[in-house]
Protein backbone atom coordinates (compact mmCIF):
# COMPACT_ATOMS: atom_id res chain seq x y z
CA UNK A 1 11.81 -22.92 21.96
CA UNK A 2 9.20 -20.28 22.76
CA UNK A 3 6.32 -19.58 20.44
CA UNK A 4 7.01 -16.98 17.77
CA UNK A 5 10.74 -17.64 17.67
CA UNK A 6 10.41 -19.46 14.35
CA UNK A 7 9.75 -16.07 12.73
CA UNK A 8 13.44 -15.28 13.17
CA UNK A 9 14.36 -18.27 11.02
CA UNK A 10 12.69 -16.94 7.87
CA UNK A 11 15.33 -16.76 5.15
CA UNK A 12 13.31 -14.94 2.45
CA UNK A 13 12.06 -11.43 3.03
CA UNK A 14 8.32 -10.97 2.59
CA UNK A 15 8.75 -9.19 -0.76
CA UNK A 16 10.70 -12.13 -2.18
CA UNK A 17 8.07 -14.60 -1.00
CA UNK A 18 5.23 -12.55 -2.46
CA UNK A 19 7.20 -12.12 -5.69
CA UNK A 20 7.61 -15.89 -5.99
CA UNK A 21 3.88 -16.46 -5.45
CA UNK A 22 2.91 -13.79 -7.97
CA UNK A 23 5.43 -15.00 -10.55
CA UNK A 24 3.96 -18.51 -10.30
CA UNK A 25 0.67 -16.89 -11.37
CA UNK A 26 2.38 -15.00 -14.20
CA UNK A 27 2.23 -11.59 -12.49
CA UNK A 28 5.25 -9.41 -11.74
CA UNK A 29 5.54 -7.85 -8.29
CA UNK A 30 5.85 -4.33 -9.74
CA UNK A 31 2.71 -4.76 -11.87
CA UNK A 32 0.78 -6.13 -8.89
CA UNK A 33 1.96 -3.29 -6.65
CA UNK A 34 1.02 -0.63 -9.21
CA UNK A 35 -2.45 -2.15 -9.62
CA UNK A 36 -2.88 -2.33 -5.83
CA UNK A 37 -1.93 1.35 -5.48
CA UNK A 38 -4.35 2.40 -8.23
CA UNK A 39 -7.15 0.35 -6.67
CA UNK A 40 -6.49 1.92 -3.27
CA UNK A 41 -6.52 5.43 -4.73
CA UNK A 42 -9.74 4.91 -6.69
CA UNK A 43 -11.51 3.24 -3.76
CA UNK A 44 -10.66 6.25 -1.58
CA UNK A 45 -10.97 8.98 -4.20
CA UNK A 46 -14.00 10.64 -2.60
CA UNK A 47 -12.28 10.78 0.79
CA UNK A 48 -9.08 12.13 -0.77
CA UNK A 49 -11.00 14.85 -2.61
CA UNK A 50 -12.86 15.84 0.57
CA UNK A 51 -9.56 16.08 2.44
CA UNK A 52 -7.99 18.22 -0.26
CA UNK A 53 -11.03 20.52 -0.35
CA UNK A 54 -10.92 20.89 3.43
CA UNK A 55 -7.19 21.65 3.33
CA UNK A 56 -7.77 24.26 0.63
CA UNK A 57 -10.57 25.80 2.70
CA UNK A 58 -8.43 25.89 5.85
CA UNK A 59 -5.45 27.33 3.97
CA UNK A 60 -7.69 30.04 2.52
CA UNK A 61 -9.03 30.96 5.95
CA UNK A 62 -5.57 31.25 7.49
CA UNK A 63 -4.50 33.88 4.92
CA UNK A 64 -7.29 36.31 5.89
């Protein structure tokens, strides 16, 4: 058997595996995912705001 072929034998999708690990720690997958999304947004808030300001500026210039 060639290397990497054992990946095809995985019976549980990644989400199910992660859910099982999180549940063993007393955390639901949905709660974890929501917290991860919020963390990602807040860590990148400055960049997001700069992008929105640039888009607004470019949209304003295209109207003229």
